[in-house]
Amino acid sequence: MERAVLEMHQITKQFPGVLALDKVDFDLYPGEVHILLGENGAGKSTLMKTLAGAHEPDSGTIVVDGREVRIRNPKQAQALGISIIYQEFTLIPYLTVAQNIFLAREPLRWGMRGLVDRDRLYADSTAILKTLGISVDPRSVVSTLGVAQQQLVEVAKALSLNARILIMDEPTATLSDQEIEQLFGIIHNLKSRGVGVIYISHRLQEVGQIGDRVTVLRDGRSVGTYNVADVDINTLIKLMVGREVMEKADRRSLPNAPEALRVSHLHRNGVLHDVNLVVREGEIVGLAGLVGSGRTELARAIFGIDPFDSGEIVLLGKRLVATNPSLSIRLGLGLLPEDRKSDGLALILPVKDNVTHASLTRLFPSFILDFRKERAIAERYVRDLRIATPNIFRQVGFLSGGNQQKVVLAKWLATQSRVLIFDEPTRGIDVGAKAEVHDFMRQLARQGVAILMISSDLPEIVSMSDRVYVMREGTIVKELEGEDINQETIIGYAMGKGEGQ
């Protein structure tokens, strides 16, 4: 049998108050895609950061090519042929593709110390990109590239380091189906060259599409390694969360409920075109469409982040021809943004500050902060939303993705918003946290809160929505109800194939 390129034995890592890894075993063979699954906080990232040299294990051994090694820093990991592509890219946006691929390793002109050989730099970059089948100009500035192209540049950068072990953390989180297919083609190319790929994902359907074996972590422990052909998605979910997680449609029809939000003939030049929609009290209305269809732009216009040129918004009975976030919050509208880290949270602040940030004016109209009241409110939402944090003073940046999303939700609940826009509410969070967020959204709807939910996850749209609007090219092309809410119909209208039906 072929020797493993990587073996990790009994890896243990403890942080203050948290046993992140508890005697975890993991291995990888050349030309294999070994998928690593687990809920947020299960230990996946800690295990991979240990392999990549960002953390040193407290105990355990790492064996590369049959030789025990000690990896103290990322440079040592790279020297061993280990590269990691993080979910949040490490590219420098104002440099070219070639400069990023060979950053700090630029080829120099012979006999001319410190002078970069640009011809060789671009030639070598072109060769690497061509080998991977990546059609990106090495002279392009990275900031001009789309997310999918930047992802491929990260792969090229890793391969320029002669990586034999490539770690990919949530590589498809922000990609379209077509871009995912291209990335999978690159991964198959890497497999054929003998590169071992460790693939972290919350998209369980990808296990069967790209994986050879799968290891599941739960609470810092390995609960098993399986051949992909021997396990189904339901089994993997149960292994991850330790219980059955059932998601099924619970659709309601509320045609006579009062309107909470009405958007009429909303137009923004080049972005939105004559958009009309209604969300009633107690409804969850899905907003579906392909990436670039204008869904997030619509949410930003409704909330007042971006201006619109014409049209009007009626929010809880107030007619508006212009708005801004402060006014929206005062009137009872909340927005859970697509990018929670950049737009929804202050990562360096504690949980309590993030929870109360948007409601300070309402909570403390005299502008005198009552610390006991602030603490009581934060503790209430931590308890109600089951936010996994040692205490309310924990810096939000140290929480898992699912718990960060719950903090964003708590922030808007603290404002007592009666209309909520959820933009990709479960992107990048595990199935257990996803089910909890869904349950809480349903609870809010039963309490009369109106919810507009934007999602690229079609099963989520189908299972959660009472009605669905489909967007394409900046406008609403179809409203769906009842039995018409299914993946085939939604994608048909999103791609322009459903017109004329």
Protein backbone atom coordinates (compact mmCIF):
# COMPACT_ATOMS: atom_id res chain seq x y z
CA MET A 1 0.00 0.00 0.00
CA GLU A 2 1.23 3.49 -0.82
CA ARG A 3 2.76 5.34 2.10
CA ALA A 4 0.85 8.27 3.57
CA VAL A 5 2.33 11.66 2.76
CA LEU A 6 1.04 12.92 6.12
CA GLU A 7 0.25 11.34 9.49
CA MET A 8 -0.93 13.26 12.54
CA HIS A 9 -1.06 11.21 15.74
CA GLN A 10 -2.80 12.12 19.01
CA ILE A 11 -2.65 15.87 18.37
CA THR A 12 -3.71 17.84 21.46
CA LYS A 13 -4.02 21.62 21.74
CA GLN A 14 -5.41 23.65 24.62
CA PHE A 15 -6.17 27.36 24.79
CA PRO A 16 -7.16 29.18 28.01
CA GLY A 17 -10.37 27.51 29.15
CA VAL A 18 -10.81 25.51 25.92
CA LEU A 19 -9.54 22.05 24.93
CA ALA A 20 -9.51 22.68 21.16
CA LEU A 21 -8.01 19.32 20.11
CA ASP A 22 -8.14 16.13 22.15
CA LYS A 23 -5.83 13.37 20.81
CA VAL A 24 -6.85 13.75 17.16
CA ASP A 25 -5.55 11.38 14.45
CA PHE A 26 -5.52 12.31 10.77
CA ASP A 27 -3.69 11.12 7.66
CA LEU A 28 -3.45 11.92 3.96
CA TYR A 29 -2.27 9.99 0.90
CA PRO A 30 -0.78 11.36 -2.34
CA GLY A 31 -3.42 12.19 -4.95
CA GLU A 32 -6.25 12.06 -2.40
CA VAL A 33 -8.91 14.57 -1.39
CA HIS A 34 -9.50 14.02 2.33
CA ILE A 35 -12.47 16.08 3.49
CA LEU A 36 -12.54 17.43 7.04
CA LEU A 37 -16.00 18.06 8.48
CA GLY A 38 -17.30 19.37 11.77
CA GLU A 39 -19.40 22.08 13.32
CA ASN A 40 -17.91 25.53 13.93
CA GLY A 41 -15.67 25.13 16.95
CA ALA A 42 -15.13 21.39 16.39
CA GLY A 43 -11.37 21.90 15.95
CA LYS A 44 -10.95 21.78 12.15
CA SER A 45 -9.16 25.11 11.81
CA THR A 46 -7.00 24.50 14.88
CA LEU A 47 -5.87 21.13 13.49
CA MET A 48 -5.00 22.67 10.13
CA LYS A 49 -3.25 25.67 11.69
CA THR A 50 -1.18 23.19 13.68
CA LEU A 51 -0.17 21.49 10.44
CA ALA A 52 0.51 24.83 8.71
CA GLY A 53 2.75 26.09 11.54
CA ALA A 54 0.43 28.76 12.96
CA HIS A 55 0.03 26.78 16.23
CA GLU A 56 2.33 24.32 17.97
CA PRO A 57 0.56 21.27 19.45
CA ASP A 58 0.82 20.68 23.18
CA SER A 59 1.38 16.97 22.47
CA GLY A 60 1.24 14.49 19.61
CA THR A 61 3.38 13.86 16.55
CA ILE A 62 3.37 14.90 12.88
CA VAL A 63 4.96 12.63 10.27
CA VAL A 64 5.65 13.84 6.72
CA ASP A 65 6.88 11.30 4.15
CA GLY A 66 7.64 8.81 6.91
CA ARG A 67 9.75 11.24 8.92
CA GLU A 68 8.64 12.79 12.21
CA VAL A 69 8.83 16.58 12.04
CA ARG A 70 8.24 19.50 14.34
CA ILE A 71 6.59 22.46 12.65
CA ARG A 72 7.19 25.66 14.62
CA ASN A 73 6.19 28.27 12.01
CA PRO A 74 4.63 28.63 8.53
CA LYS A 75 8.03 28.85 6.84
CA GLN A 76 8.94 25.39 8.11
CA ALA A 77 5.59 24.06 6.90
CA GLN A 78 6.21 25.49 3.42
CA ALA A 79 9.67 23.92 3.35
CA LEU A 80 7.98 20.56 3.96
CA GLY A 81 5.62 21.11 1.03
CA ILE A 82 2.59 22.12 3.11
CA SER A 83 0.48 25.07 1.90
CA ILE A 84 -2.83 26.40 3.20
CA ILE A 85 -5.42 28.52 1.42
CA TYR A 86 -7.49 30.28 4.07
CA GLN A 87 -11.14 31.17 3.61
CA GLU A 88 -10.10 34.83 3.79
CA PHE A 89 -7.52 35.40 1.10
CA THR A 90 -3.95 36.49 1.88
CA LEU A 91 -3.32 38.13 -1.48
CA ILE A 92 -2.10 41.74 -1.64
CA PRO A 93 -4.72 43.54 -3.76
CA TYR A 94 -2.54 46.27 -5.28
CA LEU A 95 0.13 43.85 -6.58
CA THR A 96 -0.10 41.83 -9.79
CA VAL A 97 -0.96 38.14 -9.96
CA ALA A 98 2.69 37.27 -10.65
CA GLN A 99 3.95 39.41 -7.77
CA ASN A 100 1.54 37.67 -5.41
CA ILE A 101 2.48 34.18 -6.61
CA PHE A 102 6.19 34.80 -5.99
CA LEU A 103 5.89 37.27 -3.10
CA ALA A 104 9.22 37.43 -1.19
CA ARG A 105 10.61 34.81 -3.60
CA GLU A 106 10.91 36.92 -6.75
CA PRO A 107 13.52 35.75 -9.30
CA LEU A 108 16.44 38.17 -9.37
CA ARG A 109 18.69 39.23 -12.23
CA TRP A 110 22.00 37.40 -12.14
CA GLY A 111 24.74 39.51 -10.61
CA MET A 112 22.33 42.36 -9.79
CA ARG A 113 21.39 42.00 -6.15
CA GLY A 114 17.84 43.06 -5.29
CA LEU A 115 16.73 43.70 -8.88
CA VAL A 116 13.72 41.57 -9.89
CA ASP A 117 13.92 39.71 -13.20
CA ARG A 118 10.46 40.69 -14.42
CA ASP A 119 10.63 38.67 -17.64
CA ARG A 120 11.30 35.50 -15.66
CA LEU A 121 8.73 36.47 -13.02
CA TYR A 122 5.94 36.65 -15.59
CA ALA A 123 7.20 33.66 -17.57
CA ASP A 124 7.30 31.44 -14.48
CA SER A 125 3.86 32.66 -13.37
CA THR A 126 2.43 31.99 -16.84
CA ALA A 127 3.85 28.46 -16.75
CA ILE A 128 2.27 27.70 -13.37
CA LEU A 129 -1.11 29.13 -14.38
CA LYS A 130 -1.01 27.21 -17.67
CA THR A 131 -0.18 23.94 -15.91
CA LEU A 132 -3.28 24.37 -13.76
CA GLY A 133 -5.45 25.43 -16.68
CA ILE A 134 -6.04 28.87 -15.14
CA SER A 135 -6.72 31.61 -17.69
CA VAL A 136 -5.64 34.66 -15.71
CA ASP A 137 -3.20 37.29 -17.00
CA PRO A 138 -0.20 37.29 -14.59
CA ARG A 139 0.14 41.06 -15.15
CA SER A 140 -3.39 41.75 -13.85
CA VAL A 141 -3.67 43.61 -10.55
CA VAL A 142 -5.35 41.29 -8.03
CA SER A 143 -7.95 43.89 -6.97
CA THR A 144 -9.39 43.79 -10.50
CA LEU A 145 -10.09 40.05 -10.31
CA GLY A 146 -13.29 38.35 -9.17
CA VAL A 147 -13.45 36.13 -6.10
CA ALA A 148 -13.19 32.92 -8.14
CA GLN A 149 -10.09 34.14 -9.99
CA GLN A 150 -8.46 35.21 -6.72
CA GLN A 151 -9.17 31.73 -5.35
CA LEU A 152 -7.33 30.22 -8.33
CA VAL A 153 -4.40 32.61 -7.84
CA GLU A 154 -4.16 31.33 -4.25
CA VAL A 155 -3.93 27.78 -5.65
CA ALA A 156 -1.22 28.84 -8.11
CA LYS A 157 0.69 30.53 -5.28
CA ALA A 158 0.54 27.35 -3.21
CA LEU A 159 1.74 25.22 -6.12
CA SER A 160 4.64 27.62 -6.79
CA LEU A 161 5.90 26.54 -3.37
CA ASN A 162 6.01 22.93 -4.64
CA ALA A 163 3.21 22.00 -2.27
CA ARG A 164 2.51 18.29 -1.92
CA ILE A 165 -0.03 18.85 0.85
CA LEU A 166 -2.63 21.54 0.06
CA ILE A 167 -5.16 22.64 2.68
CA MET A 168 -8.28 24.38 1.33
CA ASP A 169 -10.54 26.06 3.90
CA GLU A 170 -14.10 26.65 2.61
CA PRO A 171 -12.90 27.26 -0.97
CA THR A 172 -16.40 27.40 -2.50
CA ALA A 173 -18.12 29.59 0.11
CA THR A 174 -18.47 32.58 -2.24
CA LEU A 175 -18.37 30.88 -5.65
CA SER A 176 -21.13 30.33 -8.20
CA ASP A 177 -21.93 26.82 -9.47
CA GLN A 178 -19.92 27.41 -12.64
CA GLU A 179 -16.94 28.69 -10.65
CA ILE A 180 -17.17 25.69 -8.31
CA GLU A 181 -17.06 23.36 -11.31
CA GLN A 182 -13.90 25.10 -12.52
CA LEU A 183 -12.29 24.80 -9.08
CA PHE A 184 -13.15 21.09 -8.93
CA GLY A 185 -11.45 20.68 -12.30
CA ILE A 186 -8.30 22.24 -10.83
CA ILE A 187 -8.48 19.90 -7.83
CA HIS A 188 -8.75 16.85 -10.12
CA ASN A 189 -5.68 18.19 -11.93
CA LEU A 190 -3.82 18.42 -8.61
CA LYS A 191 -4.85 14.85 -7.69
CA SER A 192 -3.49 13.52 -10.98
CA ARG A 193 -0.13 15.13 -10.12
CA GLY A 194 -0.02 13.37 -6.75
CA VAL A 195 -0.87 16.39 -4.57
CA GLY A 196 -2.79 15.46 -1.42
CA VAL A 197 -5.66 17.88 -0.70
CA ILE A 198 -7.24 18.46 2.72
CA TYR A 199 -10.61 20.04 2.01
CA ILE A 200 -12.69 21.80 4.69
CA SER A 201 -16.31 22.56 3.80
CA HIS A 202 -19.78 23.02 5.28
CA ARG A 203 -21.40 22.09 1.95
CA LEU A 204 -22.12 18.43 2.55
CA GLN A 205 -23.09 17.76 -1.07
CA GLU A 206 -19.44 18.43 -1.98
CA VAL A 207 -18.32 15.36 -0.03
CA GLY A 208 -19.54 13.01 -2.74
CA GLN A 209 -18.58 15.36 -5.56
CA ILE A 210 -14.90 15.82 -4.74
CA GLY A 211 -13.87 13.63 -1.79
CA ASP A 212 -12.18 10.24 -1.43
CA ARG A 213 -12.27 9.98 2.36
CA VAL A 214 -13.91 12.06 5.07
CA THR A 215 -12.99 12.64 8.71
CA VAL A 216 -15.51 14.12 11.14
CA LEU A 217 -14.50 16.14 14.21
CA ARG A 218 -16.82 16.93 17.10
CA ASP A 219 -15.87 18.90 20.24
CA GLY A 220 -12.17 18.64 19.44
CA ARG A 221 -12.21 14.86 18.95
CA SER A 222 -12.24 12.67 15.87
CA VAL A 223 -15.45 10.64 15.67
CA GLY A 224 -14.40 8.66 12.63
CA THR A 225 -12.79 8.45 9.19
CA TYR A 226 -14.76 6.88 6.32
CA ASN A 227 -14.54 6.19 2.63
CA VAL A 228 -16.91 8.65 0.95
CA ALA A 229 -18.69 5.81 -0.85
CA ASP A 230 -19.62 4.24 2.50
CA VAL A 231 -21.49 7.17 4.14
CA ASP A 232 -24.47 9.34 3.23
CA ILE A 233 -25.21 12.96 4.14
CA ASN A 234 -27.64 12.11 6.96
CA THR A 235 -25.00 9.91 8.62
CA LEU A 236 -22.40 12.68 8.35
CA ILE A 237 -24.78 15.22 9.89
CA LYS A 238 -25.51 12.91 12.81
CA LEU A 239 -21.78 12.32 13.33
CA MET A 240 -21.11 16.08 13.26
CA VAL A 241 -23.82 17.23 15.65
CA GLY A 242 -24.50 14.08 17.66
CA ARG A 243 -28.21 14.14 16.82
CA GLU A 244 -30.66 14.12 13.93
CA VAL A 245 -31.13 17.50 12.24
CA MET A 246 -34.29 17.62 10.16
CA GLU A 247 -35.02 20.48 7.79
CA LYS A 248 -38.39 20.48 6.06
CA ALA A 249 -40.63 23.14 4.60
CA ASP A 250 -43.17 24.67 6.97
CA ARG A 251 -44.81 27.04 4.52
CA ARG A 252 -47.57 29.40 5.59
CA SER A 253 -49.94 31.55 3.55
CA LEU A 254 -50.64 34.97 5.08
CA PRO A 255 -52.35 36.97 2.30
CA ASN A 256 -54.36 39.08 4.78
CA ALA A 257 -51.52 39.90 7.17
CA PRO A 258 -50.58 43.61 7.38
CA GLU A 259 -47.78 44.76 5.10
CA ALA A 260 -44.54 45.42 6.97
CA LEU A 261 -42.40 46.34 3.95
CA ARG A 262 -43.39 47.40 0.45
CA VAL A 263 -40.90 48.34 -2.25
CA SER A 264 -42.43 50.06 -5.28
CA HIS A 265 -40.72 50.80 -8.62
CA LEU A 266 -37.30 51.06 -6.98
CA HIS A 267 -34.65 52.10 -9.48
CA ARG A 268 -30.92 52.71 -9.23
CA ASN A 269 -29.14 53.47 -12.48
CA GLY A 270 -27.24 50.45 -13.77
CA VAL A 271 -28.04 48.36 -10.69
CA LEU A 272 -31.78 48.05 -9.90
CA HIS A 273 -34.67 48.32 -12.36
CA ASP A 274 -38.31 48.82 -11.34
CA VAL A 275 -38.15 46.49 -8.32
CA ASN A 276 -41.46 45.69 -6.60
CA LEU A 277 -41.94 43.42 -3.60
CA VAL A 278 -44.01 43.04 -0.43
CA VAL A 279 -43.21 41.38 2.90
CA ARG A 280 -46.06 40.91 5.37
CA GLU A 281 -45.92 40.58 9.12
CA GLY A 282 -45.09 37.03 10.15
CA GLU A 283 -43.76 36.05 6.71
CA ILE A 284 -40.39 34.73 5.63
CA VAL A 285 -39.99 35.84 2.03
CA GLY A 286 -37.09 34.38 0.07
CA LEU A 287 -35.11 36.46 -2.42
CA ALA A 288 -33.33 34.15 -4.87
CA GLY A 289 -31.12 34.74 -7.88
CA LEU A 290 -27.68 34.10 -9.28
CA VAL A 291 -24.58 35.89 -7.97
CA GLY A 292 -24.68 39.42 -9.43
CA SER A 293 -28.46 39.48 -9.88
CA GLY A 294 -28.81 42.50 -7.58
CA ARG A 295 -30.07 40.88 -4.36
CA THR A 296 -27.51 42.39 -1.99
CA GLU A 297 -27.71 45.74 -3.81
CA LEU A 298 -31.47 45.73 -3.21
CA ALA A 299 -30.98 45.01 0.50
CA ARG A 300 -28.46 47.86 0.79
CA ALA A 301 -30.84 50.26 -0.96
CA ILE A 302 -33.77 49.31 1.27
CA PHE A 303 -31.67 49.75 4.42
CA GLY A 304 -30.27 53.06 3.20
CA ILE A 305 -26.60 52.18 2.75
CA ASP A 306 -26.80 52.97 -0.96
CA PRO A 307 -29.09 55.66 -2.48
CA PHE A 308 -31.74 54.92 -5.09
CA ASP A 309 -32.75 57.21 -7.94
CA SER A 310 -36.52 56.71 -7.94
CA GLY A 311 -39.30 54.67 -6.40
CA GLU A 312 -40.44 54.46 -2.80
CA ILE A 313 -40.28 52.25 0.28
CA VAL A 314 -43.12 51.86 2.76
CA LEU A 315 -41.75 50.60 6.07
CA LEU A 316 -44.25 49.79 8.81
CA GLY A 317 -46.65 52.41 7.41
CA LYS A 318 -44.03 55.12 6.83
CA ARG A 319 -43.65 56.19 3.20
CA LEU A 320 -40.03 56.95 2.27
CA VAL A 321 -38.51 58.30 -0.93
CA ALA A 322 -35.03 58.30 0.62
CA THR A 323 -33.57 56.61 3.65
CA ASN A 324 -30.38 56.00 5.62
CA PRO A 325 -29.32 53.33 8.15
CA SER A 326 -30.02 55.50 11.21
CA LEU A 327 -33.56 56.22 10.03
CA SER A 328 -34.11 52.56 9.11
CA ILE A 329 -33.07 51.42 12.57
CA ARG A 330 -35.34 54.01 14.25
CA LEU A 331 -38.28 52.83 12.15
CA GLY A 332 -37.71 49.17 13.03
CA LEU A 333 -35.61 47.71 10.18
CA GLY A 334 -32.53 45.58 10.72
CA LEU A 335 -29.99 44.17 8.22
CA LEU A 336 -27.87 41.09 8.84
CA PRO A 337 -25.24 41.66 6.13
CA GLU A 338 -23.70 39.13 3.77
CA ASP A 339 -20.20 39.72 5.16
CA ARG A 340 -20.68 39.56 8.91
CA LYS A 341 -17.00 40.16 9.70
CA SER A 342 -16.60 43.33 7.64
CA ASP A 343 -20.09 44.81 7.91
CA GLY A 344 -21.87 43.19 10.85
CA LEU A 345 -19.39 43.01 13.72
CA ALA A 346 -16.62 44.87 15.47
CA LEU A 347 -14.28 41.88 15.82
CA ILE A 348 -11.95 43.51 18.35
CA LEU A 349 -14.82 44.37 20.73
CA PRO A 350 -16.45 41.97 23.22
CA VAL A 351 -19.75 40.20 22.75
CA LYS A 352 -21.65 42.64 24.99
CA ASP A 353 -20.59 45.71 22.98
CA ASN A 354 -21.56 44.08 19.69
CA VAL A 355 -24.97 43.03 21.02
CA THR A 356 -25.93 46.50 22.24
CA HIS A 357 -24.14 48.60 19.61
CA ALA A 358 -27.12 49.27 17.33
CA SER A 359 -29.59 49.94 20.15
CA LEU A 360 -27.64 52.29 22.44
CA THR A 361 -29.86 55.28 21.62
CA ARG A 362 -33.03 53.29 22.35
CA LEU A 363 -31.65 51.67 25.50
CA PHE A 364 -30.02 54.79 26.93
CA PRO A 365 -31.89 57.88 25.63
CA SER A 366 -30.20 60.07 28.24
CA PHE A 367 -26.79 59.07 26.79
CA ILE A 368 -25.70 57.71 30.19
CA LEU A 369 -24.63 54.08 29.90
CA ASP A 370 -26.01 51.71 32.54
CA PHE A 371 -23.40 48.93 32.61
CA ARG A 372 -25.59 46.55 34.62
CA LYS A 373 -28.44 46.93 32.15
CA GLU A 374 -26.08 46.47 29.21
CA ARG A 375 -24.66 43.33 30.79
CA ALA A 376 -28.13 41.92 31.54
CA ILE A 377 -29.26 42.45 27.92
CA ALA A 378 -26.13 40.83 26.49
CA GLU A 379 -26.40 37.85 28.85
CA ARG A 380 -30.06 37.39 27.93
CA TYR A 381 -29.34 37.10 24.22
CA VAL A 382 -26.30 34.88 24.79
CA ARG A 383 -28.60 32.58 26.75
CA ASP A 384 -31.59 32.75 24.38
CA LEU A 385 -29.52 32.22 21.22
CA ARG A 386 -27.19 29.69 22.87
CA ILE A 387 -24.10 31.66 21.85
CA ALA A 388 -21.05 29.55 22.77
CA THR A 389 -18.76 32.00 24.53
CA PRO A 390 -16.92 31.80 27.88
CA ASN A 391 -18.56 35.11 28.86
CA ILE A 392 -19.96 38.32 27.37
CA PHE A 393 -16.53 39.94 27.60
CA ARG A 394 -15.02 37.52 25.07
CA GLN A 395 -13.69 39.27 21.95
CA VAL A 396 -16.05 38.43 19.06
CA GLY A 397 -13.16 37.72 16.70
CA PHE A 398 -12.34 34.62 18.75
CA LEU A 399 -15.79 33.05 18.32
CA SER A 400 -16.65 30.49 15.64
CA GLY A 401 -18.49 31.62 12.50
CA GLY A 402 -21.83 30.26 13.68
CA ASN A 403 -21.58 32.05 17.00
CA GLN A 404 -20.51 35.28 15.31
CA GLN A 405 -23.66 35.04 13.18
CA LYS A 406 -25.74 34.63 16.33
CA VAL A 407 -24.12 37.77 17.79
CA VAL A 408 -25.18 39.72 14.68
CA LEU A 409 -28.71 38.36 15.13
CA ALA A 410 -28.66 39.34 18.80
CA LYS A 411 -27.61 42.88 17.84
CA TRP A 412 -30.70 43.35 15.71
CA LEU A 413 -33.04 41.63 18.16
CA ALA A 414 -31.84 44.07 20.80
CA THR A 415 -33.10 46.92 18.59
CA GLN A 416 -36.55 45.26 18.64
CA SER A 417 -36.64 45.39 14.84
CA ARG A 418 -39.99 44.38 13.33
CA VAL A 419 -38.58 43.90 9.83
CA LEU A 420 -35.34 41.98 9.30
CA ILE A 421 -33.32 41.45 6.13
CA PHE A 422 -31.12 38.35 6.33
CA ASP A 423 -28.44 38.37 3.60
CA GLU A 424 -26.94 34.85 3.34
CA PRO A 425 -27.86 34.02 6.97
CA THR A 426 -26.10 30.64 7.11
CA ARG A 427 -23.14 31.06 4.77
CA GLY A 428 -20.01 29.51 6.27
CA ILE A 429 -21.68 28.01 9.35
CA ASP A 430 -22.13 24.35 10.18
CA VAL A 431 -25.32 22.30 9.95
CA GLY A 432 -26.04 22.45 13.68
CA ALA A 433 -25.73 26.25 13.88
CA LYS A 434 -27.66 26.49 10.60
CA ALA A 435 -30.59 24.56 12.06
CA GLU A 436 -30.55 26.79 15.15
CA VAL A 437 -30.60 29.98 13.04
CA HIS A 438 -33.47 28.57 10.97
CA ASP A 439 -35.44 27.65 14.11
CA PHE A 440 -34.96 31.14 15.50
CA MET A 441 -36.06 32.75 12.24
CA ARG A 442 -39.24 30.69 12.34
CA GLN A 443 -39.83 31.73 15.96
CA LEU A 444 -39.45 35.39 14.99
CA ALA A 445 -41.93 34.98 12.13
CA ARG A 446 -44.47 33.37 14.48
CA GLN A 447 -44.08 36.46 16.70
CA GLY A 448 -45.04 38.67 13.74
CA VAL A 449 -41.58 39.77 12.58
CA ALA A 450 -41.36 40.22 8.80
CA ILE A 451 -38.25 38.60 7.29
CA LEU A 452 -36.74 39.09 3.83
CA MET A 453 -34.16 36.31 3.36
CA ILE A 454 -31.50 36.44 0.63
CA SER A 455 -29.77 33.13 0.01
CA SER A 456 -27.72 31.41 -2.68
CA ASP A 457 -28.52 28.09 -1.00
CA LEU A 458 -31.58 26.87 -2.93
CA PRO A 459 -32.54 24.15 -0.40
CA GLU A 460 -32.56 26.90 2.24
CA ILE A 461 -34.82 29.11 0.08
CA VAL A 462 -37.19 26.19 -0.58
CA SER A 463 -37.38 24.97 3.04
CA MET A 464 -37.64 28.38 4.73
CA SER A 465 -39.73 30.62 2.47
CA ASP A 466 -43.47 31.29 2.58
CA ARG A 467 -43.11 33.10 -0.75
CA VAL A 468 -40.15 33.61 -3.09
CA TYR A 469 -39.12 36.45 -5.39
CA VAL A 470 -36.58 35.62 -8.09
CA MET A 471 -34.18 38.35 -9.26
CA ARG A 472 -32.24 38.53 -12.48
CA GLU A 473 -30.22 41.44 -13.88
CA GLY A 474 -31.39 43.86 -11.21
CA THR A 475 -35.13 43.24 -11.35
CA ILE A 476 -37.77 40.87 -9.96
CA VAL A 477 -38.68 38.42 -12.71
CA LYS A 478 -41.09 36.15 -10.82
CA GLU A 479 -43.00 35.72 -7.56
CA LEU A 480 -43.51 32.07 -6.50
CA GLU A 481 -45.91 30.57 -3.99
CA GLY A 482 -46.94 27.12 -2.78
CA GLU A 483 -45.96 24.16 -4.93
CA ASP A 484 -44.14 26.43 -7.38
CA ILE A 485 -41.41 26.94 -4.78
CA ASN A 486 -38.90 24.32 -5.87
CA GLN A 487 -35.27 24.36 -6.94
CA GLU A 488 -35.92 23.64 -10.62
CA THR A 489 -38.42 26.48 -11.04
CA ILE A 490 -36.30 28.98 -9.11
CA ILE A 491 -33.11 28.27 -11.06
CA GLY A 492 -35.09 28.36 -14.30
CA TYR A 493 -36.29 31.90 -13.72
CA ALA A 494 -32.92 32.98 -12.26
CA MET A 495 -31.23 31.91 -15.50
CA GLY A 496 -33.94 33.28 -17.78
CA LYS A 497 -35.20 29.81 -18.75
CA GLY A 498 -38.56 30.16 -17.02
CA GLU A 499 -39.84 33.10 -19.03
CA GLY A 500 -43.00 32.53 -20.97
CA GLN A 501 -44.23 29.84 -18.56
